[in-house]
Amino acid sequence: GLTGLQPSVLRAGIMGFGVLVGLVLQRQVKPLGCLFLAVNVLL
């Protein structure tokens, strides 16, 4: 919110949220799949 909802930050934010979900579920997140998912969701 402070950065002004820039696309590059939103992409990184979604990936960071994926890491946090993996932390709660105690599952390893695949970085490449997380990147593709974040990019496609935004686009």
Full PDB file with SEQRES, HELIX, SHEET, SSBOND, CRYST1, ORIGX, SCALE, CONECT and MASTER records, all heavy atoms in Angstrom:
SEQRES   1 A   43  GLY LEU THR GLY LEU GLN PRO SER VAL LEU ARG ALA GLY          
SEQRES   2 A   43  ILE MET GLY PHE GLY VAL LEU VAL GLY LEU VAL LEU GLN          
SEQRES   3 A   43  ARG GLN VAL LYS PRO LEU GLY CYS LEU PHE LEU ALA VAL          
SEQRES   4 A   43  ASN VAL LEU LEU                                              
HELIX    1 AA1 PRO A    7  LEU A   25  1                                  19    
HELIX    2 AA2 PRO A   31  LEU A   42  1                                  12    
CRYST1    1.000    1.000    1.000  90.00  90.00  90.00 P 1           1          
ORIGX1      1.000000  0.000000  0.000000        0.00000                         
ORIGX2      0.000000  1.000000  0.000000        0.00000                         
ORIGX3      0.000000  0.000000  1.000000        0.00000                         
SCALE1      1.000000  0.000000  0.000000        0.00000                         
SCALE2      0.000000  1.000000  0.000000        0.00000                         
SCALE3      0.000000  0.000000  1.000000        0.00000                         
ATOM      1  N   GLY A   1       0.812  -1.214   0.000  1.00  0.00           N  
ATOM      2  CA  GLY A   1       0.000   0.000   0.000  1.00  0.00           C  
ATOM      3  C   GLY A   1       0.844   1.262   0.000  1.00  0.00           C  
ATOM      4  O   GLY A   1       0.535   2.234  -0.690  1.00  0.00           O  
ATOM      5  N   LEU A   2       1.954   1.272   0.758  1.00  0.00           N  
ATOM      6  CA  LEU A   2       2.815   2.443   0.832  1.00  0.00           C  
ATOM      7  C   LEU A   2       3.533   2.720  -0.484  1.00  0.00           C  
ATOM      8  O   LEU A   2       3.828   3.867  -0.812  1.00  0.00           O  
ATOM      9  CB  LEU A   2       3.853   2.276   1.948  1.00  0.00           C  
ATOM     10  CG  LEU A   2       3.326   2.375   3.380  1.00  0.00           C  
ATOM     11  CD1 LEU A   2       4.428   2.049   4.371  1.00  0.00           C  
ATOM     12  CD2 LEU A   2       2.774   3.770   3.650  1.00  0.00           C  
ATOM     13  N   THR A   3       3.832   1.683  -1.255  1.00  0.00           N  
ATOM     14  CA  THR A   3       4.551   1.876  -2.519  1.00  0.00           C  
ATOM     15  C   THR A   3       3.637   2.285  -3.654  1.00  0.00           C  
ATOM     16  O   THR A   3       4.116   2.623  -4.739  1.00  0.00           O  
ATOM     17  CB  THR A   3       5.292   0.587  -2.928  1.00  0.00           C  
ATOM     18  OG1 THR A   3       4.350  -0.488  -3.050  1.00  0.00           O  
ATOM     19  CG2 THR A   3       6.343   0.225  -1.901  1.00  0.00           C  
ATOM     20  N   GLY A   4       2.326   2.247  -3.455  1.00  0.00           N  
ATOM     21  CA  GLY A   4       1.412   2.712  -4.488  1.00  0.00           C  
ATOM     22  C   GLY A   4       0.892   1.625  -5.413  1.00  0.00           C  
ATOM     23  O   GLY A   4       0.530   1.914  -6.562  1.00  0.00           O  
ATOM     24  N   LEU A   5       0.829   0.380  -4.955  1.00  0.00           N  
ATOM     25  CA  LEU A   5       0.247  -0.728  -5.737  1.00  0.00           C  
ATOM     26  C   LEU A   5       0.895  -0.866  -7.110  1.00  0.00           C  
ATOM     27  O   LEU A   5       0.231  -0.927  -8.144  1.00  0.00           O  
ATOM     28  CB  LEU A   5      -1.265  -0.534  -5.890  1.00  0.00           C  
ATOM     29  CG  LEU A   5      -2.072  -0.469  -4.590  1.00  0.00           C  
ATOM     30  CD1 LEU A   5      -3.549  -0.255  -4.889  1.00  0.00           C  
ATOM     31  CD2 LEU A   5      -1.887  -1.731  -3.765  1.00  0.00           C  
ATOM     32  N   GLN A   6       2.223  -0.912  -7.136  1.00  0.00           N  
ATOM     33  CA  GLN A   6       2.944  -1.092  -8.390  1.00  0.00           C  
ATOM     34  C   GLN A   6       2.940  -2.571  -8.783  1.00  0.00           C  
ATOM     35  O   GLN A   6       3.039  -3.453  -7.920  1.00  0.00           O  
ATOM     36  CB  GLN A   6       4.377  -0.592  -8.251  1.00  0.00           C  
ATOM     37  CG  GLN A   6       4.479   0.874  -7.868  1.00  0.00           C  
ATOM     38  CD  GLN A   6       5.890   1.278  -7.542  1.00  0.00           C  
ATOM     39  OE1 GLN A   6       6.845   0.831  -8.153  1.00  0.00           O  
ATOM     40  NE2 GLN A   6       6.041   2.143  -6.541  1.00  0.00           N  
ATOM     41  N   PRO A   7       2.844  -2.892 -10.089  1.00  0.00           N  
ATOM     42  CA  PRO A   7       2.762  -4.295 -10.520  1.00  0.00           C  
ATOM     43  C   PRO A   7       3.932  -5.152 -10.032  1.00  0.00           C  
ATOM     44  O   PRO A   7       3.733  -6.297  -9.618  1.00  0.00           O  
ATOM     45  CB  PRO A   7       2.746  -4.192 -12.052  1.00  0.00           C  
ATOM     46  CG  PRO A   7       2.248  -2.832 -12.349  1.00  0.00           C  
ATOM     47  CD  PRO A   7       2.708  -1.966 -11.224  1.00  0.00           C  
ATOM     48  N   SER A   8       5.153  -4.610 -10.077  1.00  0.00           N  
ATOM     49  CA  SER A   8       6.315  -5.394  -9.662  1.00  0.00           C  
ATOM     50  C   SER A   8       6.252  -5.728  -8.173  1.00  0.00           C  
ATOM     51  O   SER A   8       6.655  -6.819  -7.750  1.00  0.00           O  
ATOM     52  CB  SER A   8       7.605  -4.630  -9.981  1.00  0.00           C  
ATOM     53  OG  SER A   8       7.602  -3.358  -9.358  1.00  0.00           O  
ATOM     54  N   VAL A   9       5.735  -4.799  -7.370  1.00  0.00           N  
ATOM     55  CA  VAL A   9       5.616  -5.055  -5.931  1.00  0.00           C  
ATOM     56  C   VAL A   9       4.491  -6.037  -5.652  1.00  0.00           C  
ATOM     57  O   VAL A   9       4.597  -6.902  -4.772  1.00  0.00           O  
ATOM     58  CB  VAL A   9       5.372  -3.739  -5.173  1.00  0.00           C  
ATOM     59  CG1 VAL A   9       5.393  -3.975  -3.678  1.00  0.00           C  
ATOM     60  CG2 VAL A   9       6.414  -2.712  -5.547  1.00  0.00           C  
ATOM     61  N   LEU A  10       3.393  -5.928  -6.384  1.00  0.00           N  
ATOM     62  CA  LEU A  10       2.289  -6.876  -6.229  1.00  0.00           C  
ATOM     63  C   LEU A  10       2.747  -8.292  -6.544  1.00  0.00           C  
ATOM     64  O   LEU A  10       2.378  -9.246  -5.853  1.00  0.00           O  
ATOM     65  CB  LEU A  10       1.123  -6.478  -7.137  1.00  0.00           C  
ATOM     66  CG  LEU A  10       0.338  -5.231  -6.729  1.00  0.00           C  
ATOM     67  CD1 LEU A  10      -0.636  -4.838  -7.829  1.00  0.00           C  
ATOM     68  CD2 LEU A  10      -0.426  -5.480  -5.435  1.00  0.00           C  
ATOM     69  N   ARG A  11       3.553  -8.434  -7.601  1.00  0.00           N  
ATOM     70  CA  ARG A  11       4.083  -9.755  -7.965  1.00  0.00           C  
ATOM     71  C   ARG A  11       4.913 -10.328  -6.818  1.00  0.00           C  
ATOM     72  O   ARG A  11       4.735 -11.489  -6.420  1.00  0.00           O  
ATOM     73  CB  ARG A  11       4.919  -9.612  -9.242  1.00  0.00           C  
ATOM     74  CG  ARG A  11       5.398 -10.913  -9.874  1.00  0.00           C  
ATOM     75  CD  ARG A  11       6.696 -11.426  -9.317  1.00  0.00           C  
ATOM     76  NE  ARG A  11       7.722 -10.411  -9.308  1.00  0.00           N  
ATOM     77  CZ  ARG A  11       8.834 -10.509  -8.593  1.00  0.00           C  
ATOM     78  NH1 ARG A  11       9.025 -11.556  -7.792  1.00  0.00           N  
ATOM     79  NH2 ARG A  11       9.741  -9.550  -8.610  1.00  0.00           N  
ATOM     80  N   ALA A  12       5.819  -9.515  -6.289  1.00  0.00           N  
ATOM     81  CA  ALA A  12       6.654  -9.974  -5.180  1.00  0.00           C  
ATOM     82  C   ALA A  12       5.817 -10.239  -3.937  1.00  0.00           C  
ATOM     83  O   ALA A  12       6.097 -11.178  -3.177  1.00  0.00           O  
ATOM     84  CB  ALA A  12       7.737  -8.934  -4.884  1.00  0.00           C  
ATOM     85  N   GLY A  13       4.778  -9.423  -3.710  1.00  0.00           N  
ATOM     86  CA  GLY A  13       3.920  -9.619  -2.556  1.00  0.00           C  
ATOM     87  C   GLY A  13       3.166 -10.931  -2.610  1.00  0.00           C  
ATOM     88  O   GLY A  13       3.025 -11.629  -1.595  1.00  0.00           O  
ATOM     89  N   ILE A  14       2.664 -11.292  -3.792  1.00  0.00           N  
ATOM     90  CA  ILE A  14       1.959 -12.572  -3.943  1.00  0.00           C  
ATOM     91  C   ILE A  14       2.911 -13.730  -3.681  1.00  0.00           C  
ATOM     92  O   ILE A  14       2.556 -14.717  -3.019  1.00  0.00           O  
ATOM     93  CB  ILE A  14       1.334 -12.670  -5.346  1.00  0.00           C  
ATOM     94  CG1 ILE A  14       0.201 -11.638  -5.489  1.00  0.00           C  
ATOM     95  CG2 ILE A  14       0.786 -14.073  -5.598  1.00  0.00           C  
ATOM     96  CD1 ILE A  14      -0.409 -11.599  -6.873  1.00  0.00           C  
ATOM     97  N   MET A  15       4.140 -13.616  -4.189  1.00  0.00           N  
ATOM     98  CA  MET A  15       5.119 -14.679  -3.955  1.00  0.00           C  
ATOM     99  C   MET A  15       5.468 -14.768  -2.470  1.00  0.00           C  
ATOM    100  O   MET A  15       5.610 -15.868  -1.917  1.00  0.00           O  
ATOM    101  CB  MET A  15       6.371 -14.424  -4.786  1.00  0.00           C  
ATOM    102  CG  MET A  15       6.160 -14.542  -6.293  1.00  0.00           C  
ATOM    103  SD  MET A  15       7.691 -14.390  -7.223  1.00  0.00           S  
ATOM    104  CE  MET A  15       8.561 -15.867  -6.685  1.00  0.00           C  
ATOM    105  N   GLY A  16       5.601 -13.610  -1.811  1.00  0.00           N  
ATOM    106  CA  GLY A  16       5.869 -13.619  -0.372  1.00  0.00           C  
ATOM    107  C   GLY A  16       4.732 -14.233   0.411  1.00  0.00           C  
ATOM    108  O   GLY A  16       4.949 -14.969   1.383  1.00  0.00           O  
ATOM    109  N   PHE A  17       3.495 -13.951  -0.022  1.00  0.00           N  
ATOM    110  CA  PHE A  17       2.328 -14.552   0.630  1.00  0.00           C  
ATOM    111  C   PHE A  17       2.345 -16.069   0.455  1.00  0.00           C  
ATOM    112  O   PHE A  17       1.992 -16.820   1.376  1.00  0.00           O  
ATOM    113  CB  PHE A  17       1.050 -13.962   0.044  1.00  0.00           C  
ATOM    114  CG  PHE A  17      -0.209 -14.495   0.661  1.00  0.00           C  
ATOM    115  CD1 PHE A  17      -0.614 -14.092   1.922  1.00  0.00           C  
ATOM    116  CD2 PHE A  17      -0.994 -15.422  -0.009  1.00  0.00           C  
ATOM    117  CE1 PHE A  17      -1.772 -14.593   2.504  1.00  0.00           C  
ATOM    118  CE2 PHE A  17      -2.157 -15.925   0.549  1.00  0.00           C  
ATOM    119  CZ  PHE A  17      -2.544 -15.508   1.822  1.00  0.00           C  
ATOM    120  N   GLY A  18       2.790 -16.536  -0.713  1.00  0.00           N  
ATOM    121  CA  GLY A  18       2.910 -17.982  -0.938  1.00  0.00           C  
ATOM    122  C   GLY A  18       3.901 -18.615   0.018  1.00  0.00           C  
ATOM    123  O   GLY A  18       3.676 -19.725   0.521  1.00  0.00           O  
ATOM    124  N   VAL A  19       5.010 -17.905   0.279  1.00  0.00           N  
ATOM    125  CA  VAL A  19       5.996 -18.408   1.247  1.00  0.00           C  
ATOM    126  C   VAL A  19       5.378 -18.507   2.637  1.00  0.00           C  
ATOM    127  O   VAL A  19       5.601 -19.491   3.365  1.00  0.00           O  
ATOM    128  CB  VAL A  19       7.231 -17.484   1.263  1.00  0.00           C  
ATOM    129  CG1 VAL A  19       8.176 -17.875   2.403  1.00  0.00           C  
ATOM    130  CG2 VAL A  19       7.965 -17.551  -0.070  1.00  0.00           C  
ATOM    131  N   LEU A  20       4.592 -17.512   3.022  1.00  0.00           N  
ATOM    132  CA  LEU A  20       3.950 -17.530   4.346  1.00  0.00           C  
ATOM    133  C   LEU A  20       2.931 -18.663   4.452  1.00  0.00           C  
ATOM    134  O   LEU A  20       2.824 -19.314   5.500  1.00  0.00           O  
ATOM    135  CB  LEU A  20       3.267 -16.188   4.598  1.00  0.00           C  
ATOM    136  CG  LEU A  20       4.191 -14.977   4.759  1.00  0.00           C  
ATOM    137  CD1 LEU A  20       3.383 -13.694   4.846  1.00  0.00           C  
ATOM    138  CD2 LEU A  20       5.063 -15.137   6.001  1.00  0.00           C  
ATOM    139  N   VAL A  21       2.181 -18.914   3.364  1.00  0.00           N  
ATOM    140  CA  VAL A  21       1.230 -20.029   3.367  1.00  0.00           C  
ATOM    141  C   VAL A  21       1.976 -21.354   3.537  1.00  0.00           C  
ATOM    142  O   VAL A  21       1.557 -22.236   4.304  1.00  0.00           O  
ATOM    143  CB  VAL A  21       0.404 -20.036   2.064  1.00  0.00           C  
ATOM    144  CG1 VAL A  21      -0.433 -21.311   1.963  1.00  0.00           C  
ATOM    145  CG2 VAL A  21      -0.505 -18.812   2.016  1.00  0.00           C  
ATOM    146  N   GLY A  22       3.100 -21.502   2.821  1.00  0.00           N  
ATOM    147  CA  GLY A  22       3.907 -22.707   2.975  1.00  0.00           C  
ATOM    148  C   GLY A  22       4.442 -22.856   4.386  1.00  0.00           C  
ATOM    149  O   GLY A  22       4.560 -23.978   4.901  1.00  0.00           O  
ATOM    150  N   LEU A  23       4.756 -21.726   5.043  1.00  0.00           N  
ATOM    151  CA  LEU A  23       5.254 -21.765   6.414  1.00  0.00           C  
ATOM    152  C   LEU A  23       4.185 -22.282   7.365  1.00  0.00           C  
ATOM    153  O   LEU A  23       4.460 -23.099   8.251  1.00  0.00           O  
ATOM    154  CB  LEU A  23       5.712 -20.361   6.829  1.00  0.00           C  
ATOM    155  CG  LEU A  23       6.279 -20.202   8.231  1.00  0.00           C  
ATOM    156  CD1 LEU A  23       7.586 -20.970   8.359  1.00  0.00           C  
ATOM    157  CD2 LEU A  23       6.507 -18.722   8.554  1.00  0.00           C  
ATOM    158  N   VAL A  24       2.941 -21.827   7.187  1.00  0.00           N  
ATOM    159  CA  VAL A  24       1.846 -22.268   8.059  1.00  0.00           C  
ATOM    160  C   VAL A  24       1.519 -23.735   7.811  1.00  0.00           C  
ATOM    161  O   VAL A  24       1.301 -24.504   8.760  1.00  0.00           O  
ATOM    162  CB  VAL A  24       0.602 -21.380   7.818  1.00  0.00           C  
ATOM    163  CG1 VAL A  24      -0.605 -21.944   8.549  1.00  0.00           C  
ATOM    164  CG2 VAL A  24       0.871 -19.956   8.281  1.00  0.00           C  
ATOM    165  N   LEU A  25       1.481 -24.129   6.553  1.00  0.00           N  
ATOM    166  CA  LEU A  25       1.144 -25.516   6.206  1.00  0.00           C  
ATOM    167  C   LEU A  25       2.323 -26.459   6.335  1.00  0.00           C  
ATOM    168  O   LEU A  25       2.170 -27.668   6.135  1.00  0.00           O  
ATOM    169  CB  LEU A  25       0.597 -25.573   4.773  1.00  0.00           C  
ATOM    170  CG  LEU A  25      -0.668 -24.746   4.489  1.00  0.00           C  
ATOM    171  CD1 LEU A  25      -1.071 -24.880   3.031  1.00  0.00           C  
ATOM    172  CD2 LEU A  25      -1.806 -25.198   5.396  1.00  0.00           C  
ATOM    173  N   GLN A  26       3.505 -25.884   6.641  1.00  0.00           N  
ATOM    174  CA  GLN A  26       4.739 -26.668   6.769  1.00  0.00           C  
ATOM    175  C   GLN A  26       5.011 -27.473   5.492  1.00  0.00           C  
ATOM    176  O   GLN A  26       5.335 -28.652   5.529  1.00  0.00           O  
ATOM    177  CB  GLN A  26       4.670 -27.590   7.991  1.00  0.00           C  
ATOM    178  CG  GLN A  26       4.561 -26.840   9.301  1.00  0.00           C  
ATOM    179  CD  GLN A  26       4.576 -27.758  10.511  1.00  0.00           C  
ATOM    180  OE1 GLN A  26       4.441 -28.975  10.391  1.00  0.00           O  
ATOM    181  NE2 GLN A  26       4.732 -27.171  11.687  1.00  0.00           N  
ATOM    182  N   ARG A  27       4.871 -26.762   4.379  1.00  0.00           N  
ATOM    183  CA  ARG A  27       5.146 -27.371   3.072  1.00  0.00           C  
ATOM    184  C   ARG A  27       6.120 -26.477   2.317  1.00  0.00           C  
ATOM    185  O   ARG A  27       6.059 -25.251   2.409  1.00  0.00           O  
ATOM    186  CB  ARG A  27       3.852 -27.536   2.268  1.00  0.00           C  
ATOM    187  CG  ARG A  27       2.873 -28.518   2.883  1.00  0.00           C  
ATOM    188  CD  ARG A  27       1.631 -28.661   2.031  1.00  0.00           C  
ATOM    189  NE  ARG A  27       1.935 -29.143   0.690  1.00  0.00           N  
ATOM    190  CZ  ARG A  27       1.032 -29.329  -0.261  1.00  0.00           C  
ATOM    191  NH1 ARG A  27      -0.244 -29.043  -0.022  1.00  0.00           N  
ATOM    192  NH2 ARG A  27       1.391 -29.765  -1.443  1.00  0.00           N  
ATOM    193  N   GLN A  28       6.996 -27.093   1.545  1.00  0.00           N  
ATOM    194  CA  GLN A  28       7.961 -26.339   0.764  1.00  0.00           C  
ATOM    195  C   GLN A  28       7.298 -25.778  -0.499  1.00  0.00           C  
ATOM    196  O   GLN A  28       6.602 -26.497  -1.216  1.00  0.00           O  
ATOM    197  CB  GLN A  28       9.147 -27.230   0.376  1.00  0.00           C  
ATOM    198  CG  GLN A  28      10.272 -26.466  -0.322  1.00  0.00           C  
ATOM    199  CD  GLN A  28      11.474 -27.358  -0.601  1.00  0.00           C  
ATOM    200  OE1 GLN A  28      11.425 -28.561  -0.365  1.00  0.00           O  
ATOM    201  NE2 GLN A  28      12.541 -26.761  -1.106  1.00  0.00           N  
ATOM    202  N   VAL A  29       7.492 -24.502  -0.737  1.00  0.00           N  
ATOM    203  CA  VAL A  29       6.919 -23.841  -1.904  1.00  0.00           C  
ATOM    204  C   VAL A  29       7.915 -23.891  -3.055  1.00  0.00           C  
ATOM    205  O   VAL A  29       9.099 -23.595  -2.877  1.00  0.00           O  
ATOM    206  CB  VAL A  29       6.563 -22.371  -1.576  1.00  0.00           C  
ATOM    207  CG1 VAL A  29       6.019 -21.656  -2.806  1.00  0.00           C  
ATOM    208  CG2 VAL A  29       5.548 -22.318  -0.448  1.00  0.00           C  
ATOM    209  N   LYS A  30       7.452 -24.288  -4.240  1.00  0.00           N  
ATOM    210  CA  LYS A  30       8.309 -24.308  -5.419  1.00  0.00           C  
ATOM    211  C   LYS A  30       8.388 -22.898  -5.992  1.00  0.00           C  
ATOM    212  O   LYS A  30       7.387 -22.353  -6.463  1.00  0.00           O  
ATOM    213  CB  LYS A  30       7.754 -25.277  -6.460  1.00  0.00           C  
ATOM    214  CG  LYS A  30       7.769 -26.730  -5.994  1.00  0.00           C  
ATOM    215  CD  LYS A  30       7.270 -27.662  -7.077  1.00  0.00           C  
ATOM    216  CE  LYS A  30       7.343 -29.118  -6.605  1.00  0.00           C  
ATOM    217  NZ  LYS A  30       6.845 -30.058  -7.651  1.00  0.00           N  
ATOM    218  N   PRO A  31       9.580 -22.292  -5.964  1.00  0.00           N  
ATOM    219  CA  PRO A  31       9.705 -20.885  -6.377  1.00  0.00           C  
ATOM    220  C   PRO A  31       9.253 -20.624  -7.808  1.00  0.00           C  
ATOM    221  O   PRO A  31       8.576 -19.632  -8.075  1.00  0.00           O  
ATOM    222  CB  PRO A  31      11.204 -20.603  -6.204  1.00  0.00           C  
ATOM    223  CG  PRO A  31      11.678 -21.619  -5.224  1.00  0.00           C  
ATOM    224  CD  PRO A  31      10.847 -22.838  -5.480  1.00  0.00           C  
ATOM    225  N   LEU A  32       9.630 -21.507  -8.737  1.00  0.00           N  
ATOM    226  CA  LEU A  32       9.275 -21.272 -10.137  1.00  0.00           C  
ATOM    227  C   LEU A  32       7.767 -21.316 -10.349  1.00  0.00           C  
ATOM    228  O   LEU A  32       7.198 -20.467 -11.038  1.00  0.00           O  
ATOM    229  CB  LEU A  32       9.957 -22.315 -11.029  1.00  0.00           C  
ATOM    230  CG  LEU A  32       9.914 -22.047 -12.537  1.00  0.00           C  
ATOM    231  CD1 LEU A  32      10.588 -20.728 -12.868  1.00  0.00           C  
ATOM    232  CD2 LEU A  32      10.582 -23.185 -13.305  1.00  0.00           C  
ATOM    233  N   GLY A  33       7.109 -22.278  -9.730  1.00  0.00           N  
ATOM    234  CA  GLY A  33       5.659 -22.357  -9.839  1.00  0.00           C  
ATOM    235  C   GLY A  33       4.983 -21.165  -9.188  1.00  0.00           C  
ATOM    236  O   GLY A  33       3.985 -20.650  -9.693  1.00  0.00           O  
ATOM    237  N   CYS A  34       5.541 -20.711  -8.064  1.00  0.00           N  
ATOM    238  CA  CYS A  34       4.982 -19.549  -7.365  1.00  0.00           C  
ATOM    239  C   CYS A  34       5.115 -18.295  -8.223  1.00  0.00           C  
ATOM    240  O   CYS A  34       4.201 -17.462  -8.288  1.00  0.00           O  
ATOM    241  CB  CYS A  34       5.702 -19.369  -6.035  1.00  0.00           C  
ATOM    242  SG  CYS A  34       4.922 -18.168  -4.930  1.00  0.00           S  
ATOM    243  N   LEU A  35       6.266 -18.162  -8.922  1.00  0.00           N  
ATOM    244  CA  LEU A  35       6.464 -17.011  -9.805  1.00  0.00           C  
ATOM    245  C   LEU A  35       5.451 -17.011 -10.939  1.00  0.00           C  
ATOM    246  O   LEU A  35       4.810 -15.978 -11.217  1.00  0.00           O  
ATOM    247  CB  LEU A  35       7.888 -17.031 -10.368  1.00  0.00           C  
ATOM    248  CG  LEU A  35       8.199 -15.985 -11.450  1.00  0.00           C  
ATOM    249  CD1 LEU A  35       8.081 -14.576 -10.884  1.00  0.00           C  
ATOM    250  CD2 LEU A  35       9.590 -16.218 -12.044  1.00  0.00           C  
ATOM    251  N   PHE A  36       5.283 -18.142 -11.603  1.00  0.00           N  
ATOM    252  CA  PHE A  36       4.345 -18.224 -12.725  1.00  0.00           C  
ATOM    253  C   PHE A  36       2.914 -17.970 -12.256  1.00  0.00           C  
ATOM    254  O   PHE A  36       2.139 -17.307 -12.950  1.00  0.00           O  
ATOM    255  CB  PHE A  36       4.456 -19.602 -13.395  1.00  0.00           C  
ATOM    256  CG  PHE A  36       5.422 -19.621 -14.533  1.00  0.00           C  
ATOM    257  CD1 PHE A  36       6.784 -19.622 -14.314  1.00  0.00           C  
ATOM    258  CD2 PHE A  36       4.970 -19.633 -15.842  1.00  0.00           C  
ATOM    259  CE1 PHE A  36       7.680 -19.633 -15.366  1.00  0.00           C  
ATOM    260  CE2 PHE A  36       5.843 -19.642 -16.907  1.00  0.00           C  
ATOM    261  CZ  PHE A  36       7.219 -19.638 -16.667  1.00  0.00           C  
ATOM    262  N   LEU A  37       2.568 -18.483 -11.086  1.00  0.00           N  
ATOM    263  CA  LEU A  37       1.221 -18.267 -10.563  1.00  0.00           C  
ATOM    264  C   LEU A  37       0.980 -16.785 -10.277  1.00  0.00           C  
ATOM    265  O   LEU A  37      -0.062 -16.224 -10.644  1.00  0.00           O  
ATOM    266  CB  LEU A  37       1.017 -19.087  -9.293  1.00  0.00           C  
ATOM    267  CG  LEU A  37      -0.350 -18.925  -8.609  1.00  0.00           C  
ATOM    268  CD1 LEU A  37      -1.473 -19.392  -9.533  1.00  0.00           C  
ATOM    269  CD2 LEU A  37      -0.385 -19.701  -7.294  1.00  0.00           C  
ATOM    270  N   ALA A  38       1.956 -16.139  -9.624  1.00  0.00           N  
ATOM    271  CA  ALA A  38       1.809 -14.723  -9.294  1.00  0.00           C  
ATOM    272  C   ALA A  38       1.676 -13.870 -10.550  1.00  0.00           C  
ATOM    273  O   ALA A  38       0.822 -12.979 -10.634  1.00  0.00           O  
ATOM    274  CB  ALA A  38       3.009 -14.256  -8.465  1.00  0.00           C  
ATOM    275  N   VAL A  39       2.520 -14.143 -11.546  1.00  0.00           N  
ATOM    276  CA  VAL A  39       2.489 -13.366 -12.788  1.00  0.00           C  
ATOM    277  C   VAL A  39       1.162 -13.551 -13.505  1.00  0.00           C  
ATOM    278  O   VAL A  39       0.551 -12.584 -13.988  1.00  0.00           O  
ATOM    279  CB  VAL A  39       3.670 -13.779 -13.702  1.00  0.00           C  
ATOM    280  CG1 VAL A  39       3.519 -13.157 -15.085  1.00  0.00           C  
ATOM    281  CG2 VAL A  39       4.991 -13.350 -13.076  1.00  0.00           C  
ATOM    282  N   ASN A  40       0.677 -14.781 -13.583  1.00  0.00           N  
ATOM    283  CA  ASN A  40      -0.579 -15.034 -14.287  1.00  0.00           C  
ATOM    284  C   ASN A  40      -1.773 -14.434 -13.560  1.00  0.00           C  
ATOM    285  O   ASN A  40      -2.692 -13.908 -14.200  1.00  0.00           O  
ATOM    286  CB  ASN A  40      -0.773 -16.545 -14.482  1.00  0.00           C  
ATOM    287  CG  ASN A  40      -0.050 -17.079 -15.687  1.00  0.00           C  
ATOM    288  OD1 ASN A  40      -0.593 -17.166 -16.780  1.00  0.00           O  
ATOM    289  ND2 ASN A  40       1.223 -17.434 -15.506  1.00  0.00           N  
ATOM    290  N   VAL A  41      -1.772 -14.491 -12.233  1.00  0.00           N  
ATOM    291  CA  VAL A  41      -2.875 -13.895 -11.474  1.00  0.00           C  
ATOM    292  C   VAL A  41      -2.958 -12.392 -11.752  1.00  0.00           C  
ATOM    293  O   VAL A  41      -4.040 -11.842 -12.021  1.00  0.00           O  
ATOM    294  CB  VAL A  41      -2.698 -14.150  -9.964  1.00  0.00           C  
ATOM    295  CG1 VAL A  41      -3.640 -13.276  -9.149  1.00  0.00           C  
ATOM    296  CG2 VAL A  41      -2.957 -15.620  -9.647  1.00  0.00           C  
ATOM    297  N   LEU A  42      -1.821 -11.713 -11.734  1.00  0.00           N  
ATOM    298  CA  LEU A  42      -1.809 -10.271 -11.975  1.00  0.00           C  
ATOM    299  C   LEU A  42      -2.206  -9.934 -13.405  1.00  0.00           C  
ATOM    300  O   LEU A  42      -2.911  -8.951 -13.653  1.00  0.00           O  
ATOM    301  CB  LEU A  42      -0.417  -9.706 -11.667  1.00  0.00           C  
ATOM    302  CG  LEU A  42      -0.021  -9.680 -10.196  1.00  0.00           C  
ATOM    303  CD1 LEU A  42       1.414  -9.199 -10.041  1.00  0.00           C  
ATOM    304  CD2 LEU A  42      -0.955  -8.776  -9.400  1.00  0.00           C  
ATOM    305  N   LEU A  43      -1.760 -10.755 -14.361  1.00  0.00           N  
ATOM    306  CA  LEU A  43      -2.054 -10.466 -15.759  1.00  0.00           C  
ATOM    307  C   LEU A  43      -3.458 -10.901 -16.170  1.00  0.00           C  
ATOM    308  O   LEU A  43      -3.943 -10.483 -17.219  1.00  0.00           O  
ATOM    309  CB  LEU A  43      -1.011 -11.117 -16.666  1.00  0.00           C  
ATOM    310  CG  LEU A  43       0.392 -10.520 -16.530  1.00  0.00           C  
ATOM    311  CD1 LEU A  43       1.373 -11.234 -17.448  1.00  0.00           C  
ATOM    312  CD2 LEU A  43       0.379  -9.028 -16.833  1.00  0.00           C  
TER     313      LEU A  43                                                      
MASTER        0    0    0    2    0    0    0    6  312    1    0    4          
END                                                                             
